[in-house]
Amino acid sequence: MATAHQLSLTFACIDFPDRTTVSVTEIAAKLGYSLQHVLDHIDEGKLVALDSALVQSRRNLRVTVDEYRRWVLSMLTGPQRRTFLAELTPAQLREIQREATELLRSVAA
């Protein structure tokens, strides 16, 4: 179950409850994606992974569940994106608004 600081997913079937990290292979299997598709998202910086490989040429990638949830939510389309926002508290929405405003100011500068 998500803590007060964790995002939760609208679709429980693609979540990893009671986990802190997941492998890239688990993500691919859960979403029905190819492993290469998930790796491409990591290489493009869309999904952040932790690489604990001891040898630089071998990747040992893990993704935090919080990052996985953020990534999945960023890909939502249509009314589901709004549904997620509607479930947030007013305080959380204000915080998101503040962060978005700061980001927009820094990008415009």
C-alpha atoms as a PDB file:
ATOM      1  CA  MET A   1       0.000   0.000   0.000  1.00  0.00           C
ATOM      2  CA  ALA A   2       1.257   3.501  -0.793  1.00  0.00           C
ATOM      3  CA  THR A   3       2.417   5.739   1.992  1.00  0.00           C
ATOM      4  CA  ALA A   4       1.334   9.365   2.314  1.00  0.00           C
ATOM      5  CA  HIS A   5       4.350  10.389   0.223  1.00  0.00           C
ATOM      6  CA  GLN A   6       3.927   7.831  -2.551  1.00  0.00           C
ATOM      7  CA  LEU A   7       1.895   8.149  -5.689  1.00  0.00           C
ATOM      8  CA  SER A   8      -0.592   5.385  -6.298  1.00  0.00           C
ATOM      9  CA  LEU A   9      -1.696   4.065  -9.639  1.00  0.00           C
ATOM     10  CA  THR A  10      -5.236   4.185 -10.926  1.00  0.00           C
ATOM     11  CA  PHE A  11      -4.803   0.676 -12.283  1.00  0.00           C
ATOM     12  CA  ALA A  12      -3.873  -1.686  -9.448  1.00  0.00           C
ATOM     13  CA  CYS A  13      -3.099  -4.471 -11.934  1.00  0.00           C
ATOM     14  CA  ILE A  14       0.058  -2.678 -13.101  1.00  0.00           C
ATOM     15  CA  ASP A  15       1.299  -1.642  -9.664  1.00  0.00           C
ATOM     16  CA  PHE A  16       3.904  -3.311  -7.446  1.00  0.00           C
ATOM     17  CA  PRO A  17       2.432  -3.078  -3.930  1.00  0.00           C
ATOM     18  CA  ASP A  18       4.768  -3.468  -0.957  1.00  0.00           C
ATOM     19  CA  ARG A  19       7.896  -3.168  -3.134  1.00  0.00           C
ATOM     20  CA  THR A  20      10.605  -0.508  -3.091  1.00  0.00           C
ATOM     21  CA  THR A  21      12.370  -1.371  -6.365  1.00  0.00           C
ATOM     22  CA  VAL A  22      11.629  -3.468  -9.424  1.00  0.00           C
ATOM     23  CA  SER A  23      13.766  -4.802 -12.232  1.00  0.00           C
ATOM     24  CA  VAL A  24      13.499  -3.562 -15.778  1.00  0.00           C
ATOM     25  CA  THR A  25      12.442  -7.080 -16.800  1.00  0.00           C
ATOM     26  CA  GLU A  26       9.580  -6.998 -14.277  1.00  0.00           C
ATOM     27  CA  ILE A  27       8.393  -3.651 -15.663  1.00  0.00           C
ATOM     28  CA  ALA A  28       8.441  -4.952 -19.228  1.00  0.00           C
ATOM     29  CA  ALA A  29       6.515  -8.076 -18.249  1.00  0.00           C
ATOM     30  CA  LYS A  30       3.951  -6.176 -16.164  1.00  0.00           C
ATOM     31  CA  LEU A  31       3.144  -3.724 -18.965  1.00  0.00           C
ATOM     32  CA  GLY A  32       3.497  -6.131 -21.880  1.00  0.00           C
ATOM     33  CA  TYR A  33       6.400  -4.123 -23.307  1.00  0.00           C
ATOM     34  CA  SER A  34       9.590  -5.506 -24.742  1.00  0.00           C
ATOM     35  CA  LEU A  35      12.657  -5.204 -22.544  1.00  0.00           C
ATOM     36  CA  GLN A  36      14.260  -3.025 -25.223  1.00  0.00           C
ATOM     37  CA  HIS A  37      11.311  -0.614 -25.132  1.00  0.00           C
ATOM     38  CA  VAL A  38      11.782  -0.058 -21.389  1.00  0.00           C
ATOM     39  CA  LEU A  39      15.557   0.278 -21.837  1.00  0.00           C
ATOM     40  CA  ASP A  40      14.956   2.883 -24.551  1.00  0.00           C
ATOM     41  CA  HIS A  41      12.870   4.934 -22.089  1.00  0.00           C
ATOM     42  CA  ILE A  42      15.739   4.723 -19.599  1.00  0.00           C
ATOM     43  CA  ASP A  43      18.320   5.702 -22.223  1.00  0.00           C
ATOM     44  CA  GLU A  44      16.148   8.671 -23.289  1.00  0.00           C
ATOM     45  CA  GLY A  45      15.866   9.836 -19.664  1.00  0.00           C
ATOM     46  CA  LYS A  46      12.111   9.287 -19.479  1.00  0.00           C
ATOM     47  CA  LEU A  47      12.474   6.583 -16.809  1.00  0.00           C
ATOM     48  CA  VAL A  48      15.192   6.884 -14.169  1.00  0.00           C
ATOM     49  CA  ALA A  49      16.937   3.692 -13.093  1.00  0.00           C
ATOM     50  CA  LEU A  50      19.579   2.789 -10.559  1.00  0.00           C
ATOM     51  CA  ASP A  51      22.549   0.933 -12.028  1.00  0.00           C
ATOM     52  CA  SER A  52      24.382  -1.183  -9.470  1.00  0.00           C
ATOM     53  CA  ALA A  53      26.652  -2.933 -11.945  1.00  0.00           C
ATOM     54  CA  LEU A  54      30.203  -3.531 -10.786  1.00  0.00           C
ATOM     55  CA  VAL A  55      31.468  -3.641 -14.361  1.00  0.00           C
ATOM     56  CA  GLN A  56      30.658  -0.613 -16.501  1.00  0.00           C
ATOM     57  CA  SER A  57      29.863  -2.690 -19.602  1.00  0.00           C
ATOM     58  CA  ARG A  58      27.180  -4.695 -17.737  1.00  0.00           C
ATOM     59  CA  ARG A  59      24.047  -2.948 -16.584  1.00  0.00           C
ATOM     60  CA  ASN A  60      22.180  -4.066 -13.478  1.00  0.00           C
ATOM     61  CA  LEU A  61      19.179  -1.764 -13.554  1.00  0.00           C
ATOM     62  CA  ARG A  62      16.537  -1.346 -10.860  1.00  0.00           C
ATOM     63  CA  VAL A  63      13.783   1.244 -10.771  1.00  0.00           C
ATOM     64  CA  THR A  64      12.259   2.589  -7.579  1.00  0.00           C
ATOM     65  CA  VAL A  65       8.530   1.978  -7.348  1.00  0.00           C
ATOM     66  CA  ASP A  66       7.981   5.722  -6.885  1.00  0.00           C
ATOM     67  CA  GLU A  67       9.825   6.414 -10.154  1.00  0.00           C
ATOM     68  CA  TYR A  68       7.920   3.614 -11.918  1.00  0.00           C
ATOM     69  CA  ARG A  69       4.614   5.109 -10.761  1.00  0.00           C
ATOM     70  CA  ARG A  70       5.673   8.609 -11.847  1.00  0.00           C
ATOM     71  CA  TRP A  71       6.657   7.268 -15.267  1.00  0.00           C
ATOM     72  CA  VAL A  72       3.400   5.360 -15.735  1.00  0.00           C
ATOM     73  CA  LEU A  73       1.348   8.382 -14.680  1.00  0.00           C
ATOM     74  CA  SER A  74       3.276  10.589 -17.101  1.00  0.00           C
ATOM     75  CA  MET A  75       2.134   8.346 -19.960  1.00  0.00           C
ATOM     76  CA  LEU A  76      -1.567   8.447 -19.086  1.00  0.00           C
ATOM     77  CA  THR A  77      -3.745   9.940 -21.763  1.00  0.00           C
ATOM     78  CA  GLY A  78      -7.258  11.272 -21.885  1.00  0.00           C
ATOM     79  CA  PRO A  79      -9.497  11.565 -18.836  1.00  0.00           C
ATOM     80  CA  GLN A  80      -7.355   9.231 -16.691  1.00  0.00           C
ATOM     81  CA  ARG A  81      -4.794  11.999 -16.244  1.00  0.00           C
ATOM     82  CA  ARG A  82      -7.510  14.261 -14.850  1.00  0.00           C
ATOM     83  CA  THR A  83      -8.901  11.464 -12.663  1.00  0.00           C
ATOM     84  CA  PHE A  84      -5.511  11.089 -11.013  1.00  0.00           C
ATOM     85  CA  LEU A  85      -5.370  14.816 -10.272  1.00  0.00           C
ATOM     86  CA  ALA A  86      -8.939  14.809  -8.931  1.00  0.00           C
ATOM     87  CA  GLU A  87      -7.928  12.269  -6.288  1.00  0.00           C
ATOM     88  CA  LEU A  88      -5.203  14.518  -4.842  1.00  0.00           C
ATOM     89  CA  THR A  89      -5.824  16.695  -1.817  1.00  0.00           C
ATOM     90  CA  PRO A  90      -6.044  20.490  -2.239  1.00  0.00           C
ATOM     91  CA  ALA A  91      -2.664  20.803  -0.488  1.00  0.00           C
ATOM     92  CA  GLN A  92      -1.061  18.359  -2.950  1.00  0.00           C
ATOM     93  CA  LEU A  93      -2.598  20.199  -5.911  1.00  0.00           C
ATOM     94  CA  ARG A  94      -1.279  23.533  -4.617  1.00  0.00           C
ATOM     95  CA  GLU A  95       2.193  22.023  -4.251  1.00  0.00           C
ATOM     96  CA  ILE A  96       2.058  20.690  -7.819  1.00  0.00           C
ATOM     97  CA  GLN A  97       0.882  24.101  -9.014  1.00  0.00           C
ATOM     98  CA  ARG A  98       3.727  25.830  -7.184  1.00  0.00           C
ATOM     99  CA  GLU A  99       6.313  23.414  -8.619  1.00  0.00           C
ATOM    100  CA  ALA A 100       4.883  23.753 -12.138  1.00  0.00           C
ATOM    101  CA  THR A 101       4.923  27.556 -11.890  1.00  0.00           C
ATOM    102  CA  GLU A 102       8.567  27.531 -10.772  1.00  0.00           C
ATOM    103  CA  LEU A 103       9.480  25.143 -13.570  1.00  0.00           C
ATOM    104  CA  LEU A 104       7.730  27.275 -16.179  1.00  0.00           C
ATOM    105  CA  ARG A 105       9.529  30.397 -14.932  1.00  0.00           C
ATOM    106  CA  SER A 106      12.918  28.670 -15.146  1.00  0.00           C
ATOM    107  CA  VAL A 107      12.211  27.363 -18.649  1.00  0.00           C
ATOM    108  CA  ALA A 108      10.989  30.757 -19.885  1.00  0.00           C
ATOM    109  CA  ALA A 109      14.083  32.547 -18.526  1.00  0.00           C
END
